[in-house]
Amino acid sequence: MKRRTFFKLGVLGTALTFVKPSKAGELISSTVSDPNFGSVVISTWDHGLAANDNAWKVLGKGGAALDAVEKGVRTTENDLSNRSVGIGGRPDRDGHVTLDACIMDERSRCGAVAYLEGIKHPISVARTVMENTPHVMLVGAGAKQFALDYGFPKVKSPLKEVKQDWKEWKKEHKEVFEKPVINHENHDTIGMLAIDDKGNLSGACTTSGWGYKLPGRVGDSPIIGAGLFVDNEVGAACATGLGEAVIRIAGSHTVVELMRQGKSPEEACKLAVERIIAKHEDLEGLQVGFLALNKRGEYGGYSVYNGFNYAVTDDNTGSKLVDAKSDRNW
């Protein structure tokens, strides 16, 4: 807790002795939501540590949460060793690396791109869609042309080593489509949520999607309400894992609505996971994790299987990696 908030609470405590109990409750509720509790940024998986560091360069100087989450996830998009985010990601069945991303701010503005090929930073294209068009999502060739029109440079993909891996994969997989193995090491997305020192929330999500997916497949990551949702009155949530399962329950929106009902971030994530489990007869390989941040700066996560972790950076403890609780073990 920041010193100024502690002082305000002390003054409030003295003042409450002179007001009616009902009014005291209202005042406490108002103070708990005070933005002076400080900035927080959280993101999925251990690659979130480096992403958080760059996001904190914005938040630590009093910058906006929206700028922080864009800068943060661009870090992972820039990492050419990452096989599930950005240009370094694995291609679809036909050898094309296609990228998905979305972003959402405290005013409920949002932008997204899907099936975008040959552009390095889909998250920045998504923000450009949000800020410069009346639309929310652009896809495929239209999204690429839009990016080029706004000055985003072309990049070549897949990387040489990724293309070689794909060729080897093709030799062993003759079926039209085979479901890949999903496990606790499948760091398939970076989702990031932040609250700034003004108390405003924003979020971002970016991925290259399911490795060797069917051409045209889009998961939850660019879909507002599935891979990401922000409501500045309540909180924000994002998802990672098997996108089809997340889409079926409008996962991130579900988590935020559960927080609206009074659930803590971790409780809301847990209930959303339980909803996914209830809607699937076969859970083999079905890993989904949710991450949430509320208006008070409280955070939490939960997953179907163990192994999901997330990075946290705040005013009080610096940066750390947290192992999320889960419903079951592998």
Protein backbone atom coordinates (compact mmCIF):
# COMPACT_ATOMS: atom_id res chain seq x y z
CA MET A 1 0.00 0.00 0.00
CA LYS A 2 1.35 3.40 -0.92
CA ARG A 3 2.02 5.88 1.88
CA ARG A 4 -0.59 8.37 0.69
CA THR A 5 -3.26 5.66 0.64
CA PHE A 6 -2.29 4.53 4.15
CA PHE A 7 -2.60 8.12 5.35
CA LYS A 8 -6.00 8.53 3.69
CA LEU A 9 -7.24 5.33 5.30
CA GLY A 10 -6.05 6.54 8.70
CA VAL A 11 -7.92 9.79 8.33
CA LEU A 12 -10.97 7.91 7.10
CA GLY A 13 -10.88 5.58 10.11
CA THR A 14 -11.03 8.56 12.45
CA ALA A 15 -13.83 10.14 10.45
CA LEU A 16 -15.91 6.97 10.49
CA THR A 17 -16.42 7.27 14.23
CA PHE A 18 -18.62 10.29 13.50
CA VAL A 19 -20.84 8.89 10.75
CA LYS A 20 -23.67 6.41 10.57
CA PRO A 21 -22.72 2.73 10.02
CA SER A 22 -24.39 2.64 6.60
CA LYS A 23 -22.42 5.66 5.44
CA ALA A 24 -19.21 4.19 6.84
CA GLY A 25 -19.65 1.14 4.64
CA GLU A 26 -20.07 3.32 1.57
CA LEU A 27 -16.93 5.29 2.37
CA ILE A 28 -14.83 2.16 2.89
CA SER A 29 -16.05 0.71 -0.38
CA SER A 30 -15.10 3.91 -2.17
CA THR A 31 -11.62 3.95 -0.66
CA VAL A 32 -10.87 0.31 -1.49
CA SER A 33 -11.35 1.14 -5.17
CA ASP A 34 -8.94 4.08 -4.91
CA PRO A 35 -6.34 4.02 -7.72
CA ASN A 36 -3.61 4.99 -5.24
CA PHE A 37 -3.17 1.32 -4.41
CA GLY A 38 -0.64 1.35 -7.26
CA SER A 39 0.04 -0.14 -10.65
CA VAL A 40 0.06 -3.86 -11.43
CA VAL A 41 0.84 -5.84 -14.59
CA ILE A 42 0.30 -9.59 -14.97
CA SER A 43 0.86 -11.86 -17.96
CA THR A 44 0.70 -15.53 -18.90
CA TRP A 45 3.62 -17.95 -18.70
CA ASP A 46 7.27 -17.40 -17.88
CA HIS A 47 7.87 -15.41 -21.04
CA GLY A 48 5.68 -12.85 -19.30
CA LEU A 49 8.58 -11.86 -17.05
CA ALA A 50 10.46 -10.13 -19.87
CA ALA A 51 7.20 -8.72 -21.23
CA ASN A 52 6.30 -7.31 -17.81
CA ASP A 53 9.71 -5.64 -17.53
CA ASN A 54 9.00 -3.59 -20.64
CA ALA A 55 5.41 -2.90 -19.61
CA TRP A 56 6.71 -1.60 -16.30
CA LYS A 57 8.89 0.92 -18.13
CA VAL A 58 5.59 2.57 -19.00
CA LEU A 59 3.65 1.99 -15.78
CA GLY A 60 6.57 2.86 -13.50
CA LYS A 61 6.72 6.33 -15.02
CA GLY A 62 3.00 6.94 -14.58
CA GLY A 63 2.10 5.88 -18.10
CA ALA A 64 -1.20 4.47 -19.31
CA ALA A 65 -2.13 0.79 -18.98
CA LEU A 66 -2.97 0.67 -22.69
CA ASP A 67 0.55 1.75 -23.69
CA ALA A 68 2.03 -0.67 -21.16
CA VAL A 69 0.24 -3.78 -22.42
CA GLU A 70 1.05 -3.02 -26.05
CA LYS A 71 4.74 -2.46 -25.26
CA GLY A 72 4.80 -5.53 -23.02
CA VAL A 73 3.46 -8.10 -25.46
CA ARG A 74 5.53 -6.68 -28.31
CA THR A 75 8.49 -8.02 -26.32
CA THR A 76 7.26 -11.57 -26.86
CA GLU A 77 6.33 -10.88 -30.47
CA ASN A 78 9.95 -9.77 -30.95
CA ASP A 79 11.36 -13.01 -29.53
CA LEU A 80 12.17 -15.10 -32.59
CA SER A 81 12.88 -18.14 -30.41
CA ASN A 82 9.24 -18.23 -29.30
CA ARG A 83 7.31 -20.85 -31.28
CA SER A 84 3.82 -19.78 -30.27
CA VAL A 85 3.85 -15.98 -30.53
CA GLY A 86 4.96 -13.71 -33.35
CA ILE A 87 6.91 -14.34 -36.54
CA GLY A 88 8.91 -17.12 -34.84
CA GLY A 89 5.72 -19.12 -34.36
CA ARG A 90 4.85 -22.46 -35.92
CA PRO A 91 2.92 -22.46 -39.21
CA ASP A 92 -0.41 -23.98 -40.09
CA ARG A 93 -0.75 -27.30 -41.90
CA ASP A 94 0.16 -25.68 -45.22
CA GLY A 95 3.26 -23.88 -43.92
CA HIS A 96 1.86 -20.36 -43.33
CA VAL A 97 2.56 -18.52 -40.07
CA THR A 98 -0.66 -16.64 -39.30
CA LEU A 99 -0.97 -14.31 -36.34
CA ASP A 100 -3.88 -13.29 -34.11
CA ALA A 101 -4.08 -10.46 -31.57
CA CYS A 102 -6.47 -8.14 -29.75
CA ILE A 103 -6.30 -5.18 -27.40
CA MET A 104 -8.88 -3.46 -25.18
CA ASP A 105 -8.75 -0.30 -23.06
CA GLU A 106 -10.54 1.30 -20.11
CA ARG A 107 -13.16 2.90 -22.37
CA SER A 108 -14.17 -0.50 -23.77
CA ARG A 109 -12.57 0.38 -27.08
CA CYS A 110 -11.12 -2.71 -28.73
CA GLY A 111 -9.33 -3.83 -31.85
CA ALA A 112 -8.28 -7.19 -33.26
CA VAL A 113 -6.61 -8.89 -36.19
CA ALA A 114 -6.77 -12.54 -37.16
CA TYR A 115 -5.05 -14.75 -39.72
CA LEU A 116 -2.53 -11.98 -40.37
CA GLU A 117 0.56 -13.08 -42.28
CA GLY A 118 3.92 -11.38 -42.80
CA ILE A 119 3.55 -8.52 -40.27
CA LYS A 120 5.81 -8.49 -37.21
CA HIS A 121 3.60 -6.84 -34.58
CA PRO A 122 -0.06 -7.90 -34.83
CA ILE A 123 -0.81 -6.29 -31.45
CA SER A 124 0.09 -2.86 -32.83
CA VAL A 125 -2.02 -3.48 -35.93
CA ALA A 126 -4.90 -4.40 -33.61
CA ARG A 127 -4.48 -1.12 -31.75
CA THR A 128 -4.41 0.75 -35.05
CA VAL A 129 -7.70 -0.92 -36.01
CA MET A 130 -9.14 0.21 -32.67
CA GLU A 131 -7.99 3.80 -32.98
CA ASN A 132 -8.40 4.45 -36.71
CA THR A 133 -11.46 2.52 -37.89
CA PRO A 134 -15.09 2.00 -36.83
CA HIS A 135 -14.43 -1.76 -36.80
CA VAL A 136 -13.23 -4.19 -34.15
CA MET A 137 -11.64 -6.98 -36.21
CA LEU A 138 -9.89 -7.29 -39.56
CA VAL A 139 -8.76 -10.67 -40.89
CA GLY A 140 -6.53 -12.27 -43.51
CA ALA A 141 -5.59 -10.34 -46.63
CA GLY A 142 -7.69 -7.36 -45.55
CA ALA A 143 -5.83 -7.12 -42.25
CA LYS A 144 -2.48 -7.32 -44.03
CA GLN A 145 -3.37 -4.62 -46.55
CA PHE A 146 -4.58 -2.41 -43.71
CA ALA A 147 -1.27 -2.91 -41.91
CA LEU A 148 0.71 -2.05 -45.03
CA ASP A 149 -1.43 1.03 -45.64
CA TYR A 150 -0.54 2.23 -42.13
CA GLY A 151 3.18 1.73 -42.67
CA PHE A 152 3.80 -1.62 -40.98
CA PRO A 153 6.71 -3.30 -42.81
CA LYS A 154 6.52 -6.77 -44.34
CA VAL A 155 8.56 -9.57 -42.78
CA LYS A 156 9.32 -13.00 -44.14
CA SER A 157 7.91 -16.08 -42.43
CA PRO A 158 8.27 -18.82 -41.45
CA LEU A 159 11.82 -18.65 -40.15
CA LYS A 160 14.26 -21.02 -41.85
CA GLU A 161 14.48 -23.38 -38.86
CA VAL A 162 10.71 -23.31 -38.35
CA LYS A 163 10.14 -24.18 -41.99
CA GLN A 164 12.51 -27.14 -41.68
CA ASP A 165 10.60 -28.38 -38.62
CA TRP A 166 7.36 -28.08 -40.59
CA LYS A 167 8.79 -30.12 -43.47
CA GLU A 168 9.76 -32.88 -41.04
CA TRP A 169 6.31 -32.73 -39.49
CA LYS A 170 4.65 -33.04 -42.90
CA LYS A 171 6.57 -36.24 -43.64
CA GLU A 172 5.07 -37.90 -40.57
CA HIS A 173 1.54 -36.50 -40.75
CA LYS A 174 -0.37 -37.53 -43.84
CA GLU A 175 -3.87 -37.03 -42.42
CA VAL A 176 -5.87 -33.92 -43.30
CA PHE A 177 -5.66 -32.91 -39.65
CA GLU A 178 -4.31 -34.48 -36.51
CA LYS A 179 -4.87 -33.06 -33.07
CA PRO A 180 -1.52 -32.02 -31.59
CA VAL A 181 -0.53 -32.86 -28.05
CA ILE A 182 -1.25 -30.03 -25.63
CA ASN A 183 0.58 -30.09 -22.31
CA HIS A 184 1.84 -27.86 -19.56
CA GLU A 185 4.81 -26.78 -21.69
CA ASN A 186 2.58 -25.52 -24.50
CA HIS A 187 3.08 -21.80 -23.93
CA ASP A 188 0.72 -20.89 -26.69
CA THR A 189 -0.20 -17.26 -26.02
CA ILE A 190 0.81 -14.19 -24.14
CA GLY A 191 -2.09 -12.44 -22.50
CA MET A 192 -1.34 -9.33 -20.43
CA LEU A 193 -3.49 -7.24 -18.07
CA ALA A 194 -2.52 -3.98 -16.37
CA ILE A 195 -3.89 -1.31 -14.06
CA ASP A 196 -2.14 2.06 -14.01
CA ASP A 197 -1.77 4.62 -11.26
CA LYS A 198 -4.97 6.34 -12.40
CA GLY A 199 -6.89 3.12 -11.75
CA ASN A 200 -7.49 2.38 -15.44
CA LEU A 201 -7.35 -1.16 -16.83
CA SER A 202 -6.28 -2.43 -20.24
CA GLY A 203 -5.36 -5.79 -21.74
CA ALA A 204 -3.65 -7.36 -24.75
CA CYS A 205 -3.38 -10.85 -26.21
CA THR A 206 -1.25 -12.14 -29.10
CA THR A 207 -0.39 -15.55 -30.57
CA SER A 208 0.61 -17.48 -33.66
CA GLY A 209 -2.06 -20.00 -32.68
CA TRP A 210 -2.24 -23.77 -32.69
CA GLY A 211 0.86 -25.24 -34.35
CA TYR A 212 0.04 -27.03 -37.64
CA LYS A 213 -3.62 -25.99 -37.39
CA LEU A 214 -6.01 -26.24 -40.30
CA PRO A 215 -5.60 -23.26 -42.66
CA GLY A 216 -8.13 -20.60 -41.70
CA ARG A 217 -8.39 -21.65 -38.06
CA VAL A 218 -8.73 -18.82 -35.53
CA GLY A 219 -8.74 -19.46 -31.79
CA ASP A 220 -9.83 -17.39 -28.84
CA SER A 221 -6.87 -14.98 -28.68
CA PRO A 222 -8.20 -12.25 -31.02
CA ILE A 223 -11.83 -12.60 -29.93
CA ILE A 224 -13.02 -9.96 -27.47
CA GLY A 225 -14.87 -11.72 -24.66
CA ALA A 226 -13.07 -15.02 -25.25
CA GLY A 227 -9.29 -14.51 -25.15
CA LEU A 228 -9.56 -11.07 -23.51
CA PHE A 229 -12.09 -8.82 -21.84
CA VAL A 230 -11.80 -5.55 -19.92
CA ASP A 231 -14.46 -3.71 -17.94
CA ASN A 232 -12.99 -0.70 -16.16
CA GLU A 233 -15.70 -0.79 -13.49
CA VAL A 234 -14.82 -4.34 -12.47
CA GLY A 235 -11.62 -5.86 -13.82
CA ALA A 236 -10.00 -7.68 -16.72
CA ALA A 237 -9.29 -11.27 -17.73
CA CYS A 238 -7.42 -13.20 -20.39
CA ALA A 239 -7.07 -16.85 -21.37
CA THR A 240 -4.47 -19.32 -22.59
CA GLY A 241 -4.71 -22.90 -23.81
CA LEU A 242 -7.17 -24.61 -26.12
CA GLY A 243 -8.98 -21.69 -27.70
CA GLU A 244 -12.01 -23.64 -28.87
CA ALA A 245 -12.86 -24.50 -25.26
CA VAL A 246 -12.48 -20.86 -24.20
CA ILE A 247 -14.71 -19.60 -27.02
CA ARG A 248 -17.52 -21.99 -26.03
CA ILE A 249 -18.01 -20.26 -22.68
CA ALA A 250 -16.95 -16.71 -23.70
CA GLY A 251 -14.25 -17.34 -21.13
CA SER A 252 -12.70 -13.98 -20.31
CA HIS A 253 -16.06 -12.23 -20.26
CA THR A 254 -17.34 -14.95 -17.94
CA VAL A 255 -14.45 -14.35 -15.54
CA VAL A 256 -15.09 -10.60 -15.46
CA GLU A 257 -18.80 -11.08 -14.86
CA LEU A 258 -18.04 -13.44 -11.97
CA MET A 259 -15.82 -10.73 -10.45
CA ARG A 260 -18.73 -8.31 -10.91
CA GLN A 261 -20.75 -10.67 -8.72
CA GLY A 262 -18.16 -10.32 -5.98
CA LYS A 263 -15.82 -13.22 -6.66
CA SER A 264 -12.10 -12.73 -6.21
CA PRO A 265 -9.93 -13.02 -9.35
CA GLU A 266 -8.82 -16.53 -8.44
CA GLU A 267 -12.36 -17.64 -7.56
CA ALA A 268 -13.68 -16.25 -10.85
CA CYS A 269 -10.98 -18.07 -12.83
CA LYS A 270 -11.70 -21.30 -10.96
CA LEU A 271 -15.43 -21.13 -11.68
CA ALA A 272 -14.76 -20.49 -15.37
CA VAL A 273 -12.44 -23.53 -15.48
CA GLU A 274 -15.12 -25.64 -13.80
CA ARG A 275 -17.61 -24.49 -16.43
CA ILE A 276 -15.26 -25.66 -19.19
CA ILE A 277 -14.76 -29.02 -17.48
CA ALA A 278 -18.52 -29.48 -17.14
CA LYS A 279 -19.02 -28.93 -20.87
CA HIS A 280 -16.44 -31.51 -22.04
CA GLU A 281 -16.80 -35.26 -21.71
CA ASP A 282 -13.17 -35.86 -22.68
CA LEU A 283 -10.54 -33.73 -20.91
CA GLU A 284 -7.52 -35.53 -22.33
CA GLY A 285 -5.03 -32.86 -23.35
CA LEU A 286 -7.53 -30.08 -22.69
CA GLN A 287 -5.50 -27.40 -20.96
CA VAL A 288 -6.99 -23.96 -20.37
CA GLY A 289 -5.80 -21.29 -17.97
CA PHE A 290 -7.42 -18.00 -16.99
CA LEU A 291 -5.78 -14.91 -15.52
CA ALA A 292 -7.66 -12.04 -13.89
CA LEU A 293 -7.03 -8.61 -12.36
CA ASN A 294 -9.67 -6.60 -10.54
CA LYS A 295 -10.16 -2.90 -9.95
CA ARG A 296 -8.41 -3.12 -6.56
CA GLY A 297 -5.24 -4.46 -8.16
CA GLU A 298 -5.89 -7.98 -6.84
CA TYR A 299 -4.99 -10.80 -9.24
CA GLY A 300 -5.28 -14.55 -9.61
CA GLY A 301 -5.24 -17.44 -12.02
CA TYR A 302 -6.53 -20.99 -12.34
CA SER A 303 -6.19 -23.80 -14.90
CA VAL A 304 -7.67 -27.16 -15.82
CA TYR A 305 -4.35 -28.98 -15.34
CA ASN A 306 -1.32 -28.02 -13.29
CA GLY A 307 1.65 -26.36 -14.96
CA PHE A 308 0.13 -22.96 -15.78
CA ASN A 309 2.11 -20.05 -14.35
CA TYR A 310 2.01 -16.31 -14.72
CA ALA A 311 4.26 -13.28 -14.20
CA VAL A 312 3.39 -10.43 -11.81
CA THR A 313 5.01 -7.02 -11.45
CA ASP A 314 3.78 -4.40 -8.98
CA ASP A 315 4.85 -1.48 -6.78
CA ASN A 316 5.43 -3.56 -3.68
CA THR A 317 7.15 -6.83 -4.61
CA GLY A 318 8.76 -6.20 -7.99
CA SER A 319 8.57 -9.12 -10.45
CA LYS A 320 7.80 -12.75 -9.70
CA LEU A 321 6.48 -15.93 -11.31
CA VAL A 322 3.40 -17.51 -9.71
CA ASP A 323 2.22 -21.11 -10.13
CA ALA A 324 -1.54 -21.04 -10.66
CA LYS A 325 -3.78 -23.47 -8.82
CA SER A 326 -5.47 -26.13 -10.94
CA ASP A 327 -8.40 -28.54 -10.93
CA ARG A 328 -6.29 -31.62 -11.63
CA ASN A 329 -2.78 -32.93 -12.28
CA TRP A 330 -1.36 -34.38 -15.47
